[in-house]
Protein backbone atom coordinates (compact mmCIF):
# COMPACT_ATOMS: atom_id res chain seq x y z
CA MET A 1 -0.01 0.00 -0.06
CA SER A 2 1.14 3.52 -0.95
CA ASN A 3 1.79 5.96 2.13
CA PHE A 4 -1.30 8.02 1.57
CA ILE A 5 -1.80 11.18 3.93
CA VAL A 6 -5.29 12.59 4.27
CA SER A 7 -5.72 16.12 3.08
CA ALA A 8 -6.54 17.56 6.55
CA ARG A 9 -2.84 16.65 7.39
CA LYS A 10 -0.99 17.16 3.97
CA TYR A 11 -2.61 20.52 3.52
CA ARG A 12 -2.24 21.68 7.11
CA PRO A 13 -1.00 25.34 7.26
CA GLU A 14 2.51 26.00 8.04
CA SER A 15 2.09 29.64 8.09
CA PHE A 16 -0.49 32.26 9.11
CA ASP A 17 -0.72 33.33 5.30
CA ALA A 18 -2.18 29.53 4.47
CA VAL A 19 -4.84 29.78 7.31
CA VAL A 20 -8.26 29.74 5.70
CA GLY A 21 -10.92 32.26 6.95
CA GLN A 22 -9.66 33.46 10.11
CA LYS A 23 -7.82 36.68 8.74
CA HIS A 24 -9.14 38.73 11.67
CA ILE A 25 -7.25 36.32 13.87
CA THR A 26 -3.93 35.79 11.97
CA GLN A 27 -3.32 39.44 11.13
CA THR A 28 -3.74 40.32 14.93
CA LEU A 29 -1.14 37.54 15.88
CA VAL A 30 1.38 38.45 13.42
CA ASN A 31 1.25 42.20 14.51
CA GLU A 32 1.64 41.17 18.07
CA ILE A 33 4.78 39.39 17.20
CA LYS A 34 6.16 42.08 14.83
CA ASN A 35 5.71 44.54 17.57
CA ASP A 36 6.86 42.37 20.37
CA ARG A 37 3.38 42.73 22.40
CA LEU A 38 2.81 39.24 23.13
CA ALA A 39 0.43 38.14 25.69
CA GLN A 40 1.17 35.43 28.06
CA ALA A 41 -1.86 33.44 27.66
CA PHE A 42 -3.91 32.98 24.82
CA LEU A 43 -7.40 31.41 24.53
CA PHE A 44 -8.34 30.00 20.92
CA CYS A 45 -12.25 29.27 21.10
CA GLY A 46 -14.78 28.35 18.18
CA PRO A 47 -16.25 25.45 16.47
CA ARG A 48 -14.33 22.09 15.71
CA GLY A 49 -12.14 22.04 12.14
CA VAL A 50 -11.88 25.92 11.96
CA GLY A 51 -7.83 26.07 12.83
CA LYS A 52 -7.59 26.51 16.62
CA THR A 53 -4.80 24.02 17.03
CA THR A 54 -3.19 24.66 13.71
CA CYS A 55 -2.96 28.46 14.72
CA ALA A 56 -1.77 27.56 18.17
CA ARG A 57 1.16 25.47 16.46
CA ILE A 58 1.98 28.26 13.99
CA LEU A 59 1.95 30.85 16.90
CA ALA A 60 4.21 28.65 18.91
CA LYS A 61 6.72 28.56 16.01
CA GLU A 62 6.69 32.00 14.87
CA ILE A 63 7.43 33.20 18.72
CA ASN A 64 10.74 31.78 18.47
CA LYS A 65 11.75 32.32 15.02
CA GLY A 66 15.01 34.59 14.91
CA THR A 67 16.01 33.41 18.21
CA VAL A 68 17.19 29.94 17.30
CA PRO A 69 19.11 28.53 14.18
CA GLU A 70 17.12 28.52 10.87
CA ASP A 71 16.96 24.18 11.10
CA TYR A 72 16.04 24.23 14.64
CA ASP A 73 13.63 21.63 15.86
CA PHE A 74 10.93 23.89 17.39
CA SER A 75 9.64 20.54 19.52
CA TYR A 76 12.15 21.29 22.31
CA ASN A 77 10.30 24.39 22.71
CA ILE A 78 6.64 23.46 22.26
CA PHE A 79 4.75 21.18 24.58
CA GLU A 80 1.23 19.98 23.84
CA LEU A 81 -1.00 18.68 26.39
CA ASP A 82 -4.46 16.86 25.25
CA ALA A 83 -6.89 17.85 28.46
CA ALA A 84 -9.42 15.65 27.17
CA SER A 85 -6.93 12.60 28.24
CA HIS A 86 -4.71 14.38 30.67
CA ASN A 87 -7.33 16.21 32.96
CA SER A 88 -6.22 15.49 36.56
CA VAL A 89 -4.43 17.43 39.20
CA ASP A 90 -1.35 15.39 38.74
CA ASP A 91 -1.33 16.38 35.02
CA ILE A 92 -1.38 19.92 35.74
CA ARG A 93 1.17 19.80 38.57
CA SER A 94 3.57 17.87 36.17
CA LEU A 95 2.89 20.68 33.61
CA ASN A 96 3.81 23.48 36.45
CA GLU A 97 7.15 21.63 37.08
CA GLN A 98 7.92 21.70 33.50
CA VAL A 99 7.42 25.21 33.24
CA ARG A 100 9.97 26.28 36.15
CA ILE A 101 12.79 25.10 33.75
CA PRO A 102 13.80 27.80 31.31
CA PRO A 103 14.44 27.18 27.68
CA GLN A 104 18.09 25.77 26.82
CA THR A 105 17.52 27.51 23.13
CA GLY A 106 15.22 30.25 22.12
CA GLU A 107 13.54 32.99 24.31
CA TYR A 108 10.25 31.15 25.20
CA LYS A 109 8.92 27.81 26.16
CA VAL A 110 5.10 27.43 24.64
CA TYR A 111 2.58 25.30 26.23
CA ILE A 112 -0.63 24.20 23.86
CA ILE A 113 -3.52 22.89 25.83
CA ASP A 114 -5.96 21.53 23.73
CA GLU A 115 -9.76 21.17 24.72
CA VAL A 116 -8.88 22.95 28.08
CA HIS A 117 -12.75 22.81 29.10
CA MET A 118 -12.19 18.98 29.78
CA LEU A 119 -9.88 19.91 32.85
CA SER A 120 -11.47 19.13 36.14
CA GLN A 121 -12.26 21.88 38.70
CA SER A 122 -9.12 21.08 40.77
CA ALA A 123 -6.99 20.71 37.71
CA PHE A 124 -8.00 24.44 36.73
CA ASN A 125 -7.40 25.62 40.32
CA ALA A 126 -3.95 23.95 40.17
CA PHE A 127 -3.13 25.72 36.86
CA LEU A 128 -4.43 29.22 37.94
CA LYS A 129 -1.53 30.32 39.89
CA THR A 130 0.93 29.26 36.99
CA LEU A 131 -1.52 31.19 34.55
CA GLU A 132 -1.57 34.04 36.79
CA GLU A 133 2.19 34.59 37.43
CA PRO A 134 4.14 32.71 34.56
CA PRO A 135 7.83 32.99 34.26
CA SER A 136 8.76 35.36 31.57
CA TYR A 137 9.66 32.66 29.08
CA ALA A 138 6.53 30.67 29.14
CA ILE A 139 3.42 31.55 27.09
CA PHE A 140 0.16 29.48 27.30
CA ILE A 141 -2.31 28.63 24.26
CA LEU A 142 -5.39 27.08 25.24
CA ALA A 143 -8.03 25.83 22.64
CA THR A 144 -11.53 24.85 23.24
CA THR A 145 -14.85 24.42 21.63
CA GLU A 146 -16.71 25.08 24.76
CA ARG A 147 -15.52 28.49 26.16
CA HIS A 148 -18.46 28.65 28.55
CA LYS A 149 -17.22 25.54 30.53
CA ILE A 150 -13.91 27.48 31.46
CA LEU A 151 -13.70 29.27 34.77
CA PRO A 152 -13.86 33.13 34.63
CA THR A 153 -10.79 33.51 36.58
CA ILE A 154 -8.92 31.39 33.67
CA LEU A 155 -10.82 33.56 30.87
CA SER A 156 -9.79 36.98 32.71
CA ARG A 157 -6.09 35.90 32.36
CA CYS A 158 -6.33 35.21 28.65
CA GLN A 159 -6.29 37.11 25.52
CA ILE A 160 -9.37 35.58 23.85
CA PHE A 161 -9.70 35.06 19.98
CA ASN A 162 -13.05 33.86 18.80
CA PHE A 163 -12.67 31.59 15.71
CA GLU A 164 -15.56 31.84 13.20
CA ARG A 165 -17.24 29.07 11.11
CA ILE A 166 -15.42 29.27 7.68
CA GLN A 167 -17.62 30.52 4.94
CA VAL A 168 -18.80 28.28 1.87
CA GLY A 169 -17.09 30.36 -0.74
CA GLU A 170 -13.72 30.08 1.22
CA ILE A 171 -14.00 26.56 1.49
CA VAL A 172 -14.91 25.83 -2.15
CA LYS A 173 -11.95 28.01 -3.10
CA HIS A 174 -9.35 26.11 -1.00
CA LEU A 175 -11.06 22.85 -2.13
CA SER A 176 -10.45 23.79 -5.78
CA GLY A 177 -6.94 24.52 -5.15
CA ILE A 178 -6.32 21.06 -3.68
CA ALA A 179 -8.06 19.42 -6.42
CA LYS A 180 -5.68 21.21 -9.06
CA GLN A 181 -2.90 20.26 -7.02
CA GLU A 182 -4.03 16.69 -6.81
CA GLY A 183 -4.87 16.67 -10.64
CA ILE A 184 -8.65 16.00 -9.85
CA VAL A 185 -11.35 17.44 -12.02
CA ALA A 186 -13.97 18.93 -9.51
CA GLU A 187 -17.11 20.47 -10.31
CA GLU A 188 -17.75 23.65 -8.66
CA GLU A 189 -21.26 22.86 -7.57
CA ALA A 190 -19.97 19.49 -6.18
CA LEU A 191 -17.40 21.34 -4.22
CA HIS A 192 -20.11 23.55 -3.12
CA LEU A 193 -22.22 20.83 -1.97
CA ILE A 194 -19.45 19.40 0.13
CA ALA A 195 -18.58 22.92 1.65
CA LEU A 196 -22.24 22.97 2.65
CA LYS A 197 -22.32 19.58 4.26
CA ALA A 198 -19.03 20.52 6.07
CA ASP A 199 -20.99 23.23 7.91
CA GLY A 200 -18.19 25.86 8.47
CA ALA A 201 -15.47 23.10 9.14
CA LEU A 202 -12.41 22.97 6.83
CA ARG A 203 -11.37 19.81 8.39
CA ASP A 204 -14.62 18.04 7.83
CA ALA A 205 -14.67 19.59 4.21
CA LEU A 206 -11.52 17.72 3.66
CA SER A 207 -12.49 14.54 4.86
CA ILE A 208 -15.56 14.45 2.68
CA PHE A 209 -13.42 15.69 -0.22
CA ASP A 210 -10.90 12.64 0.26
CA GLN A 211 -14.06 10.56 0.40
CA MET A 212 -15.58 12.00 -2.85
CA ALA A 213 -12.19 11.54 -4.69
CA SER A 214 -12.07 7.85 -4.13
CA PHE A 215 -15.90 7.44 -4.99
CA GLY A 216 -17.04 6.90 -8.56
CA GLU A 217 -14.78 7.63 -11.56
CA ALA A 218 -11.02 8.05 -10.72
CA GLY A 219 -9.69 11.81 -10.62
CA LYS A 220 -13.10 13.26 -10.84
CA ILE A 221 -15.46 14.78 -8.42
CA GLY A 222 -18.85 15.30 -10.00
CA TYR A 223 -22.24 16.59 -8.70
CA LYS A 224 -24.45 13.65 -9.19
CA GLU A 225 -21.71 11.39 -7.34
CA VAL A 226 -21.59 13.91 -4.39
CA ILE A 227 -25.42 13.95 -4.12
CA GLN A 228 -25.54 9.83 -4.40
CA ASN A 229 -22.52 9.51 -1.95
CA LEU A 230 -23.61 11.86 0.82
CA ASN A 231 -27.43 11.36 0.63
CA ILE A 232 -28.34 14.93 -0.14
CA LEU A 233 -31.62 15.83 -1.63
CA ASP A 234 -30.91 17.44 -5.07
CA TYR A 235 -31.87 20.98 -5.52
CA GLU A 236 -33.65 20.07 -8.55
CA TYR A 237 -36.69 18.85 -6.51
CA TYR A 238 -36.81 22.24 -4.67
CA PHE A 239 -36.90 24.11 -8.03
CA ARG A 240 -39.43 21.71 -9.26
CA ILE A 241 -42.00 21.53 -6.66
CA THR A 242 -41.67 25.30 -6.37
CA ASP A 243 -42.85 25.58 -10.16
CA THR A 244 -45.66 23.42 -9.20
CA PHE A 245 -47.02 25.88 -6.23
CA VAL A 246 -46.41 29.06 -8.70
CA ASP A 247 -48.84 27.14 -11.13
CA ALA A 248 -51.28 25.74 -8.39
CA GLU A 249 -50.61 22.36 -9.76
CA LEU A 250 -51.30 20.33 -6.56
CA SER A 251 -51.16 16.64 -7.92
CA LYS A 252 -47.59 17.28 -9.50
CA ALA A 253 -46.52 18.57 -5.96
CA LEU A 254 -47.67 15.35 -4.51
CA LEU A 255 -46.23 13.36 -6.88
CA ILE A 256 -42.72 14.93 -6.74
CA TYR A 257 -43.06 14.23 -2.94
CA ASP A 258 -43.88 10.64 -3.56
CA GLU A 259 -40.66 10.43 -5.96
CA ILE A 260 -38.67 11.85 -2.82
CA GLN A 261 -40.04 9.55 -0.32
CA SER A 262 -39.42 6.46 -2.58
CA LYS A 263 -35.72 7.22 -2.66
CA GLY A 264 -35.84 6.89 1.02
CA PHE A 265 -35.42 10.59 2.11
CA ASP A 266 -37.02 11.64 5.40
CA GLY A 267 -40.14 13.90 5.29
CA GLN A 268 -38.64 16.39 8.04
CA LEU A 269 -35.37 16.55 5.88
CA PHE A 270 -37.34 17.60 3.01
CA ILE A 271 -39.42 20.13 4.88
CA ASN A 272 -36.29 21.80 6.31
CA GLY A 273 -34.57 21.92 2.79
CA LEU A 274 -37.73 23.26 1.24
CA ALA A 275 -37.92 26.02 3.73
CA ASN A 276 -34.08 26.81 3.27
CA HIS A 277 -34.83 27.02 -0.54
CA PHE A 278 -37.53 29.67 0.01
CA ARG A 279 -35.28 31.46 2.43
CA ASP A 280 -32.84 31.50 -0.49
CA LEU A 281 -35.57 32.76 -2.96
CA LEU A 282 -36.09 35.63 -0.52
CA MET A 283 -32.50 36.54 -0.56
CA ALA A 284 -32.63 36.54 -4.24
CA ARG A 285 -35.37 38.79 -4.88
CA THR A 286 -33.06 42.09 -4.11
CA ALA A 287 -29.49 42.83 -4.92
CA GLU A 288 -28.69 43.71 -1.27
CA THR A 289 -29.20 40.37 0.00
CA ARG A 290 -28.11 38.18 -2.90
CA THR A 291 -24.77 38.07 -1.13
CA LEU A 292 -26.16 35.87 1.46
CA LEU A 293 -27.04 33.25 -0.69
CA ASP A 294 -23.97 31.22 -0.61
CA LYS A 295 -24.47 29.58 -3.86
CA SER A 296 -22.26 29.22 -6.94
CA ALA A 297 -22.78 31.81 -9.91
CA GLU A 298 -24.79 29.50 -11.84
CA MET A 299 -27.14 28.30 -9.03
CA SER A 300 -27.52 32.03 -7.89
CA GLY A 301 -28.69 32.76 -11.32
CA ARG A 302 -31.36 29.88 -11.36
CA TYR A 303 -32.66 31.43 -7.68
CA GLU A 304 -32.71 34.94 -9.31
CA ARG A 305 -34.83 33.67 -12.06
CA GLN A 306 -37.30 31.75 -9.84
CA ALA A 307 -37.37 34.21 -7.24
CA GLN A 308 -39.13 36.61 -9.89
CA LEU A 309 -42.06 34.13 -10.25
CA VAL A 310 -43.24 34.24 -6.53
CA SER A 311 -43.94 37.22 -4.37
CA THR A 312 -42.25 38.25 -1.09
CA SER A 313 -45.77 37.55 0.90
CA PHE A 314 -45.74 34.12 -0.66
CA LEU A 315 -42.24 33.34 0.53
CA ILE A 316 -42.86 34.59 4.20
CA ASN A 317 -45.92 32.75 4.43
CA ALA A 318 -44.76 29.49 2.83
CA ILE A 319 -41.76 29.61 5.43
CA ASN A 320 -44.30 30.08 8.20
CA ILE A 321 -46.25 26.97 7.19
CA LEU A 322 -43.33 24.78 6.76
CA GLY A 323 -42.04 26.03 10.21
CA GLU A 324 -45.38 24.94 11.69
CA CYS A 325 -45.27 21.53 9.97
CA ASP A 326 -41.50 20.99 11.20
CA THR A 327 -42.43 21.66 14.73
CA HIS A 328 -45.38 19.15 14.72
CA TYR A 329 -43.75 16.54 12.45
CA LYS A 330 -42.33 14.15 15.26
CA ALA A 331 -45.75 14.23 17.04
CA SER A 332 -48.09 13.29 14.06
CA ARG A 333 -48.95 9.79 13.70
CA ASN A 334 -49.17 9.99 10.08
CA GLN A 335 -46.09 11.78 9.04
CA ARG A 336 -46.51 11.43 5.16
CA LEU A 337 -50.13 12.79 5.45
CA HIS A 338 -48.85 15.46 7.92
CA VAL A 339 -46.44 16.63 5.14
CA GLU A 340 -49.03 16.39 2.11
CA LEU A 341 -51.20 18.69 3.70
CA CYS A 342 -48.50 21.08 4.23
CA LEU A 343 -48.01 20.79 0.31
CA ILE A 344 -51.79 21.35 -0.17
CA LYS A 345 -51.28 24.62 1.89
CA LEU A 346 -48.70 25.87 -0.16
CA ALA A 347 -50.12 24.90 -3.41
CA SER A 348 -53.44 26.98 -2.78
CA LEU A 349 -51.34 29.79 -0.98
CA GLN A 350 -50.89 32.00 -3.96
CA HIS A 351 -54.39 31.89 -4.78
CA ALA A 352 -55.35 32.70 -1.11
CA ILE A 353 -53.04 35.79 -1.20
CA ASP A 354 -54.49 37.00 -4.30
CA VAL A 355 -58.20 36.58 -3.08
CA VAL A 356 -57.17 38.66 0.17
CA LYS A 357 -55.55 41.26 -2.15
CA LYS A 358 -58.66 41.80 -4.14
CA LYS A 359 -61.00 41.93 -1.23
CA SER A 360 -58.60 44.67 0.22
CA LEU A 361 -58.81 46.77 -3.01
CA ASN A 362 -62.44 46.47 -2.98
């Protein structure tokens, strides 16, 4: 077997310039190093897979650059502790003992504590004194996905950086670059679906990308293959069923839903997807909100065209009806009928709006 390296590791950034979607953080850290204004404790918090640990490692290396030989092994100055598995008082006491020893080379010793919220209450208390009055050569970088679980006394001693979910467009751009480097022909809409499925986590997107690269024809990632492999309901269904509502063709709407059911998709998944489709149509109606679509250029065009066929009042009322359907879905004894009744309301909605308008004019 070849020594395959997953993309999340192979393309892990080695410098702040390569970090995706966290410019507000990386620029601040670069300026702090440049101006020699480093805090002695940092807290990186945010969702999984957005670059917290990666930025911690880059920062740890950058801090000592210029104070050590060019080919220096930074591992002698960087210590990582996984608080998920080392969360006892004894682990922190051992860390505190290490902190007392100054670096043999370079100016700083950097301690990265991942998943710091997993430390026990007593471990936090044991760590507090060291964090409060650390030696001048010690810098702590704490990373967590659950900031609310960290003691306020710890938070008050850290410079806090909030990592954001990475935007769909930035993930698509990054995946496109990797596809070119790997010699993979990837459809833009396929990469867009992968980015949406990742929900703002670049690491998840890279894992899905590797999975899709191994599925179907070698060297290609296609939209249909992604739909099939990830069990995603195709956008086409939402466009088709919206057209039936515009034309008040109830029978066609019910037949499309029957087709969706026959493919094994959950009714609640369909309801939520349709609500998101109407939300996107609402955004597509005005130039100011089109930037909120998070779609490819081709798909945005389709949304803009269909948005002109429905009124704003239709979309708002439709989203309310779908929200009501979603709320009561689990409690319904006949879930299919529950969704079908929702579709009946949507198919007659535009007519009902027109009747109300005529009455108001009279």
